[in-house]
PDB file of N, CA and C in Angstrom:
ATOM      1  N   MET A   1     -91.690 133.426 -95.567  1.00  0.00           N
ATOM      2  CA  MET A   1     -91.286 134.291 -95.379  1.00  0.00           C
ATOM      3  C   MET A   1     -92.623 134.191 -93.702  1.00  0.00           C
ATOM      4  N   ALA A   2     -92.144 134.151 -92.804  1.00  0.00           N
ATOM      5  CA  ALA A   2     -93.351 134.194 -91.450  1.00  0.00           C
ATOM      6  C   ALA A   2     -93.812 135.873 -91.537  1.00  0.00           C
ATOM      7  N   GLU A   3     -95.207 135.704 -91.261  1.00  0.00           N
ATOM      8  CA  GLU A   3     -96.557 137.151 -90.762  1.00  0.00           C
ATOM      9  C   GLU A   3     -95.036 138.019 -90.459  1.00  0.00           C
ATOM     10  N   GLN A   4     -95.095 138.130 -89.539  1.00  0.00           N
ATOM     11  CA  GLN A   4     -94.409 138.446 -88.498  1.00  0.00           C
ATOM     12  C   GLN A   4     -92.818 139.685 -88.978  1.00  0.00           C
ATOM     13  N   ALA A   5     -92.205 138.267 -90.287  1.00  0.00           N
ATOM     14  CA  ALA A   5     -91.078 139.119 -90.833  1.00  0.00           C
ATOM     15  C   ALA A   5     -91.700 140.529 -91.432  1.00  0.00           C
ATOM     16  N   ILE A   6     -92.781 139.727 -92.352  1.00  0.00           N
ATOM     17  CA  ILE A   6     -93.443 140.258 -93.422  1.00  0.00           C
ATOM     18  C   ILE A   6     -93.789 141.840 -93.165  1.00  0.00           C
ATOM     19  N   ARG A   7     -94.683 142.004 -91.599  1.00  0.00           N
ATOM     20  CA  ARG A   7     -95.008 143.271 -90.826  1.00  0.00           C
ATOM     21  C   ARG A   7     -93.384 144.735 -90.675  1.00  0.00           C
ATOM     22  N   GLN A   8     -92.983 143.503 -90.193  1.00  0.00           N
ATOM     23  CA  GLN A   8     -90.878 144.455 -90.313  1.00  0.00           C
ATOM     24  C   GLN A   8     -91.389 145.073 -90.892  1.00  0.00           C
ATOM     25  N   ARG A   9     -90.635 144.656 -92.360  1.00  0.00           N
ATOM     26  CA  ARG A   9     -90.231 145.123 -93.238  1.00  0.00           C
ATOM     27  C   ARG A   9     -91.354 146.330 -93.819  1.00  0.00           C
ATOM     28  N   ILE A  10     -92.741 145.940 -93.764  1.00  0.00           N
ATOM     29  CA  ILE A  10     -93.893 146.994 -94.214  1.00  0.00           C
ATOM     30  C   ILE A  10     -93.385 147.841 -92.793  1.00  0.00           C
ATOM     31  N   ARG A  11     -93.425 148.325 -91.960  1.00  0.00           N
ATOM     32  CA  ARG A  11     -93.090 149.239 -90.567  1.00  0.00           C
ATOM     33  C   ARG A  11     -91.987 149.899 -91.414  1.00  0.00           C
ATOM     34  N   GLU A  12     -90.945 148.822 -91.856  1.00  0.00           N
ATOM     35  CA  GLU A  12     -89.554 149.728 -92.332  1.00  0.00           C
ATOM     36  C   GLU A  12     -89.624 150.346 -93.568  1.00  0.00           C
ATOM     37  N   ILE A  13     -90.778 150.368 -94.177  1.00  0.00           N
ATOM     38  CA  ILE A  13     -90.992 151.449 -95.541  1.00  0.00           C
ATOM     39  C   ILE A  13     -91.759 152.214 -94.866  1.00  0.00           C
ATOM     40  N   ALA A  14     -92.225 152.101 -93.749  1.00  0.00           N
ATOM     41  CA  ALA A  14     -92.906 153.635 -93.227  1.00  0.00           C
ATOM     42  C   ALA A  14     -92.200 154.606 -92.673  1.00  0.00           C
ATOM     43  N   GLU A  15     -91.102 153.886 -91.994  1.00  0.00           N
ATOM     44  CA  GLU A  15     -90.083 154.848 -91.343  1.00  0.00           C
ATOM     45  C   GLU A  15     -89.295 155.216 -91.688  1.00  0.00           C
ATOM     46  N   ASP A  16     -88.635 154.827 -93.656  1.00  0.00           N
ATOM     47  CA  ASP A  16     -87.715 154.593 -94.333  1.00  0.00           C
ATOM     48  C   ASP A  16     -87.718 156.393 -94.516  1.00  0.00           C
ATOM     49  N   ARG A  17     -86.660 157.207 -94.218  1.00  0.00           N
ATOM     50  CA  ARG A  17     -87.237 158.579 -94.304  1.00  0.00           C
ATOM     51  C   ARG A  17     -85.442 158.676 -95.689  1.00  0.00           C
ATOM     52  N   SER A  18     -84.805 157.789 -95.932  1.00  0.00           N
ATOM     53  CA  SER A  18     -83.612 158.037 -97.041  1.00  0.00           C
ATOM     54  C   SER A  18     -83.499 157.419 -98.023  1.00  0.00           C
ATOM     55  N   HIS A  19     -84.769 156.630 -98.453  1.00  0.00           N
ATOM     56  CA  HIS A  19     -84.701 156.028 -99.868  1.00  0.00           C
ATOM     57  C   HIS A  19     -86.102 156.917-100.663  1.00  0.00           C
ATOM     58  N   GLY A  20     -86.362 157.354-101.631  1.00  0.00           N
ATOM     59  CA  GLY A  20     -86.634 157.956-102.963  1.00  0.00           C
ATOM     60  C   GLY A  20     -88.256 156.911-103.093  1.00  0.00           C
ATOM     61  N   ALA A  21     -89.062 157.580-103.263  1.00  0.00           N
ATOM     62  CA  ALA A  21     -90.627 156.745-103.411  1.00  0.00           C
ATOM     63  C   ALA A  21     -90.380 155.400-104.722  1.00  0.00           C
ATOM     64  N   SER A  22     -89.467 156.145-105.792  1.00  0.00           N
ATOM     65  CA  SER A  22     -89.534 154.877-106.766  1.00  0.00           C
ATOM     66  C   SER A  22     -88.717 153.347-106.023  1.00  0.00           C
ATOM     67  N   GLU A  23     -87.460 154.151-105.564  1.00  0.00           N
ATOM     68  CA  GLU A  23     -87.266 153.184-104.391  1.00  0.00           C
ATOM     69  C   GLU A  23     -87.847 151.708-103.420  1.00  0.00           C
ATOM     70  N   LEU A  24     -88.976 152.872-102.445  1.00  0.00           N
ATOM     71  CA  LEU A  24     -89.314 152.234-101.924  1.00  0.00           C
ATOM     72  C   LEU A  24     -90.896 151.560-102.142  1.00  0.00           C
ATOM     73  N   ALA A  25     -91.365 152.458-103.942  1.00  0.00           N
ATOM     74  CA  ALA A  25     -92.152 150.731-104.382  1.00  0.00           C
ATOM     75  C   ALA A  25     -91.417 149.635-104.922  1.00  0.00           C
ATOM     76  N   ARG A  26     -90.332 149.633-105.066  1.00  0.00           N
ATOM     77  CA  ARG A  26     -89.821 148.105-105.888  1.00  0.00           C
ATOM     78  C   ARG A  26     -89.509 147.031-104.675  1.00  0.00           C
ATOM     79  N   LEU A  27     -89.062 148.095-103.159  1.00  0.00           N
ATOM     80  CA  LEU A  27     -89.363 147.322-101.833  1.00  0.00           C
ATOM     81  C   LEU A  27     -90.509 146.949-101.699  1.00  0.00           C
ATOM     82  N   CYS A  28     -91.593 147.416-102.061  1.00  0.00           N
ATOM     83  CA  CYS A  28     -93.005 146.863-101.487  1.00  0.00           C
ATOM     84  C   CYS A  28     -92.973 145.750-102.091  1.00  0.00           C
ATOM     85  N   LEU A  29     -93.272 145.757-103.654  1.00  0.00           N
ATOM     86  CA  LEU A  29     -93.130 144.955-104.558  1.00  0.00           C
ATOM     87  C   LEU A  29     -92.518 143.757-104.574  1.00  0.00           C
ATOM     88  N   GLN A  30     -91.245 143.661-103.752  1.00  0.00           N
ATOM     89  CA  GLN A  30     -90.319 142.752-102.994  1.00  0.00           C
ATOM     90  C   GLN A  30     -90.759 142.040-102.253  1.00  0.00           C
ATOM     91  N   ILE A  31     -91.595 142.507-101.384  1.00  0.00           N
ATOM     92  CA  ILE A  31     -92.261 142.614-100.065  1.00  0.00           C
ATOM     93  C   ILE A  31     -93.283 141.467-100.300  1.00  0.00           C
ATOM     94  N   GLY A  32     -94.484 141.885-101.780  1.00  0.00           N
ATOM     95  CA  GLY A  32     -95.585 141.248-102.313  1.00  0.00           C
ATOM     96  C   GLY A  32     -95.255 139.946-102.970  1.00  0.00           C
ATOM     97  N   ALA A  33     -93.378 139.463-103.713  1.00  0.00           N
ATOM     98  CA  ALA A  33     -93.362 138.956-103.855  1.00  0.00           C
ATOM     99  C   ALA A  33     -92.222 137.769-103.221  1.00  0.00           C
ATOM    100  N   ASP A  34     -91.955 138.185-102.208  1.00  0.00           N
ATOM    101  CA  ASP A  34     -91.615 137.079-101.119  1.00  0.00           C
ATOM    102  C   ASP A  34     -92.982 136.558-100.566  1.00  0.00           C
ATOM    103  N   SER A  35     -93.580 137.829 -99.836  1.00  0.00           N
ATOM    104  CA  SER A  35     -94.827 136.395 -99.245  1.00  0.00           C
ATOM    105  C   SER A  35     -96.045 136.056-100.161  1.00  0.00           C
ATOM    106  N   ALA A  36     -95.714 136.317-101.254  1.00  0.00           N
ATOM    107  CA  ALA A  36     -96.653 134.876-101.903  1.00  0.00           C
ATOM    108  C   ALA A  36     -96.071 133.546-101.970  1.00  0.00           C
ATOM    109  N   LEU A  37     -94.443 133.716-102.215  1.00  0.00           N
ATOM    110  CA  LEU A  37     -93.479 132.627-102.435  1.00  0.00           C
ATOM    111  C   LEU A  37     -93.755 131.591-101.745  1.00  0.00           C
ATOM    112  N   ASN A  38     -93.859 132.511-100.006  1.00  0.00           N
ATOM    113  CA  ASN A  38     -93.973 131.889 -98.536  1.00  0.00           C
ATOM    114  C   ASN A  38     -95.309 132.036 -97.700  1.00  0.00           C
ATOM    115  N   HIS A  39     -96.357 132.311 -98.396  1.00  0.00           N
ATOM    116  CA  HIS A  39     -97.311 132.011 -97.819  1.00  0.00           C
ATOM    117  C   HIS A  39     -98.241 130.730 -97.977  1.00  0.00           C
ATOM    118  N   PRO A  40     -98.861 130.598 -96.764  1.00  0.00           N
ATOM    119  CA  PRO A  40     -99.304 129.283 -96.755  1.00  0.00           C
ATOM    120  C   PRO A  40    -100.608 129.129 -97.039  1.00  0.00           C
ATOM    121  N   ALA A  41    -100.662 129.821 -97.704  1.00  0.00           N
ATOM    122  CA  ALA A  41    -102.463 129.444 -98.299  1.00  0.00           C
ATOM    123  C   ALA A  41    -102.913 128.542 -98.805  1.00  0.00           C
ATOM    124  N   GLN A  42    -104.023 128.021 -98.210  1.00  0.00           N
ATOM    125  CA  GLN A  42    -104.887 126.565 -99.035  1.00  0.00           C
ATOM    126  C   GLN A  42    -105.014 126.698-100.398  1.00  0.00           C
ATOM    127  N   ASP A  43    -105.651 128.398-100.712  1.00  0.00           N
ATOM    128  CA  ASP A  43    -106.390 128.154-102.426  1.00  0.00           C
ATOM    129  C   ASP A  43    -105.522 129.568-103.257  1.00  0.00           C
ATOM    130  N   THR A  44    -106.273 129.576-104.216  1.00  0.00           N
ATOM    131  CA  THR A  44    -105.929 131.393-104.725  1.00  0.00           C
ATOM    132  C   THR A  44    -106.146 132.086-103.656  1.00  0.00           C
ATOM    133  N   GLU A  45    -107.686 132.140-104.201  1.00  0.00           N
ATOM    134  CA  GLU A  45    -108.602 133.594-103.184  1.00  0.00           C
ATOM    135  C   GLU A  45    -107.652 133.483-101.475  1.00  0.00           C
ATOM    136  N   ALA A  46    -107.623 132.707-100.900  1.00  0.00           N
ATOM    137  CA  ALA A  46    -107.214 132.906 -99.461  1.00  0.00           C
ATOM    138  C   ALA A  46    -105.496 134.039 -99.888  1.00  0.00           C
ATOM    139  N   LEU A  47    -104.867 133.422-100.556  1.00  0.00           N
ATOM    140  CA  LEU A  47    -103.651 134.209-101.043  1.00  0.00           C
ATOM    141  C   LEU A  47    -104.055 135.457-101.911  1.00  0.00           C
ATOM    142  N   LEU A  48    -104.297 135.511-102.585  1.00  0.00           N
ATOM    143  CA  LEU A  48    -105.390 136.916-102.835  1.00  0.00           C
ATOM    144  C   LEU A  48    -105.268 137.896-102.452  1.00  0.00           C
ATOM    145  N   GLY A  49    -106.239 137.378-101.478  1.00  0.00           N
ATOM    146  CA  GLY A  49    -106.774 138.503 -99.781  1.00  0.00           C
ATOM    147  C   GLY A  49    -105.380 138.608 -99.317  1.00  0.00           C
ATOM    148  N   THR A  50    -104.585 137.750 -99.285  1.00  0.00           N
ATOM    149  CA  THR A  50    -103.725 138.293 -98.433  1.00  0.00           C
ATOM    150  C   THR A  50    -102.978 139.517 -98.925  1.00  0.00           C
ATOM    151  N   LEU A  51    -102.375 139.422-100.182  1.00  0.00           N
ATOM    152  CA  LEU A  51    -101.766 140.030-100.874  1.00  0.00           C
ATOM    153  C   LEU A  51    -102.793 141.439-101.191  1.00  0.00           C
ATOM    154  N   LEU A  52    -103.750 141.056-101.523  1.00  0.00           N
ATOM    155  CA  LEU A  52    -104.019 142.628-102.053  1.00  0.00           C
ATOM    156  C   LEU A  52    -104.421 143.715-100.289  1.00  0.00           C
ATOM    157  N   ALA A  53    -104.180 142.478 -98.826  1.00  0.00           N
ATOM    158  CA  ALA A  53    -104.100 143.015 -97.837  1.00  0.00           C
ATOM    159  C   ALA A  53    -103.116 144.276 -97.394  1.00  0.00           C
ATOM    160  N   GLN A  54    -101.967 143.461 -97.845  1.00  0.00           N
ATOM    161  CA  GLN A  54    -100.706 143.956 -97.488  1.00  0.00           C
ATOM    162  C   GLN A  54     -99.878 145.309 -98.553  1.00  0.00           C
ATOM    163  N   ALA A  55    -100.929 144.807 -99.804  1.00  0.00           N
ATOM    164  CA  ALA A  55    -100.355 145.947-100.728  1.00  0.00           C
ATOM    165  C   ALA A  55    -101.229 147.164-100.382  1.00  0.00           C
ATOM    166  N   ALA A  56    -102.683 147.275 -99.289  1.00  0.00           N
ATOM    167  CA  ALA A  56    -103.051 148.084 -99.484  1.00  0.00           C
ATOM    168  C   ALA A  56    -102.768 149.220 -97.403  1.00  0.00           C
ATOM    169  N   GLU A  57    -101.996 148.055 -97.324  1.00  0.00           N
ATOM    170  CA  GLU A  57    -101.387 148.318 -96.273  1.00  0.00           C
ATOM    171  C   GLU A  57    -100.009 148.797 -95.939  1.00  0.00           C
ATOM    172  N   MET A  58     -99.539 148.467 -97.568  1.00  0.00           N
ATOM    173  CA  MET A  58     -98.214 149.196 -97.522  1.00  0.00           C
ATOM    174  C   MET A  58     -98.424 150.661 -98.027  1.00  0.00           C
ATOM    175  N   THR A  59     -99.363 150.818 -99.316  1.00  0.00           N
ATOM    176  CA  THR A  59    -100.025 151.953 -99.570  1.00  0.00           C
ATOM    177  C   THR A  59    -100.610 152.919 -98.774  1.00  0.00           C
ATOM    178  N   ALA A  60    -101.411 152.514 -97.610  1.00  0.00           N
ATOM    179  CA  ALA A  60    -101.390 152.993 -95.972  1.00  0.00           C
ATOM    180  C   ALA A  60    -100.180 153.890 -95.866  1.00  0.00           C
ATOM    181  N   THR A  61     -98.329 153.218 -95.416  1.00  0.00           N
ATOM    182  CA  THR A  61     -97.415 154.111 -95.020  1.00  0.00           C
ATOM    183  C   THR A  61     -97.435 155.071 -95.252  1.00  0.00           C
ATOM    184  N   ARG A  62     -97.576 155.281 -96.672  1.00  0.00           N
ATOM    185  CA  ARG A  62     -96.849 156.443 -97.641  1.00  0.00           C
ATOM    186  C   ARG A  62     -97.368 156.464 -98.584  1.00  0.00           C
ATOM    187  N   PRO A  63     -98.867 157.607 -98.589  1.00  0.00           N
ATOM    188  CA  PRO A  63     -99.813 158.472 -98.928  1.00  0.00           C
ATOM    189  C   PRO A  63     -99.775 159.363-100.210  1.00  0.00           C
ATOM    190  N   SER A  64     -98.252 159.807 -99.681  1.00  0.00           N
ATOM    191  CA  SER A  64     -97.933 160.915-100.159  1.00  0.00           C
ATOM    192  C   SER A  64     -97.142 160.862-101.173  1.00  0.00           C
ATOM    193  N   MET A  65     -97.078 159.022-101.229  1.00  0.00           N
ATOM    194  CA  MET A  65     -95.886 158.842-102.326  1.00  0.00           C
ATOM    195  C   MET A  65     -96.551 157.950-103.528  1.00  0.00           C
ATOM    196  N   ALA A  66     -97.055 158.716-104.685  1.00  0.00           N
ATOM    197  CA  ALA A  66     -97.585 158.264-106.137  1.00  0.00           C
ATOM    198  C   ALA A  66     -96.439 157.399-106.819  1.00  0.00           C
ATOM    199  N   PRO A  67     -95.582 157.045-106.708  1.00  0.00           N
ATOM    200  CA  PRO A  67     -95.228 155.890-107.005  1.00  0.00           C
ATOM    201  C   PRO A  67     -95.439 154.682-106.518  1.00  0.00           C
ATOM    202  N   VAL A  68     -95.687 154.866-105.075  1.00  0.00           N
ATOM    203  CA  VAL A  68     -95.711 153.582-104.584  1.00  0.00           C
ATOM    204  C   VAL A  68     -97.294 153.119-104.625  1.00  0.00           C
ATOM    205  N   HIS A  69     -98.168 153.876-104.250  1.00  0.00           N
ATOM    206  CA  HIS A  69     -99.308 153.965-104.804  1.00  0.00           C
ATOM    207  C   HIS A  69    -100.080 153.160-106.080  1.00  0.00           C
ATOM    208  N   ASN A  70     -99.219 154.083-107.357  1.00  0.00           N
ATOM    209  CA  ASN A  70     -99.667 153.607-108.461  1.00  0.00           C
ATOM    210  C   ASN A  70     -99.236 152.458-108.854  1.00  0.00           C
ATOM    211  N   LEU A  71     -97.807 152.371-108.220  1.00  0.00           N
ATOM    212  CA  LEU A  71     -97.568 150.094-108.546  1.00  0.00           C
ATOM    213  C   LEU A  71     -98.312 149.510-107.631  1.00  0.00           C
ATOM    214  N   LEU A  72     -98.504 149.750-106.763  1.00  0.00           N
ATOM    215  CA  LEU A  72     -99.158 148.696-106.040  1.00  0.00           C
ATOM    216  C   LEU A  72    -100.441 148.414-106.572  1.00  0.00           C
ATOM    217  N   ALA A  73    -101.164 149.984-107.079  1.00  0.00           N
ATOM    218  CA  ALA A  73    -102.665 149.817-107.227  1.00  0.00           C
ATOM    219  C   ALA A  73    -102.989 148.617-108.579  1.00  0.00           C
ATOM    220  N   ARG A  74    -101.975 149.596-109.462  1.00  0.00           N
ATOM    221  CA  ARG A  74    -101.816 148.663-110.741  1.00  0.00           C
ATOM    222  C   ARG A  74    -101.545 146.651-110.531  1.00  0.00           C
ATOM    223  N   TRP A  75    -100.757 146.830-109.309  1.00  0.00           N
ATOM    224  CA  TRP A  75    -100.435 145.155-109.424  1.00  0.00           C
ATOM    225  C   TRP A  75    -101.813 144.033-108.818  1.00  0.00           C
ATOM    226  N   GLY A  76    -102.182 144.913-107.849  1.00  0.00           N
ATOM    227  CA  GLY A  76    -103.257 144.504-107.237  1.00  0.00           C
ATOM    228  C   GLY A  76    -104.022 144.964-108.031  1.00  0.00           C
ATOM    229  N   ALA A  77    -104.595 145.510-110.143  1.00  0.00           N
ATOM    230  CA  ALA A  77    -105.688 145.287-110.648  1.00  0.00           C
ATOM    231  C   ALA A  77    -106.127 144.012-111.029  1.00  0.00           C
TER     232      ALA A  77
END
């Protein structure tokens, strides 16, 4: 999945006003999984850095939604 597609999906999370926090948290994890499967990283550190940056970006899109923050924080730990 191209970086541009990932960014678009993160924007969709930020703009989504119809799904609840649990659903948005699951969507964030799906974005992370899709990114991990399709990222052209040359090594583990590069991939991990990209995934953690994306998780931080997704967390920042919905700071008031504890399930999004908590799930992504646990995922990145």
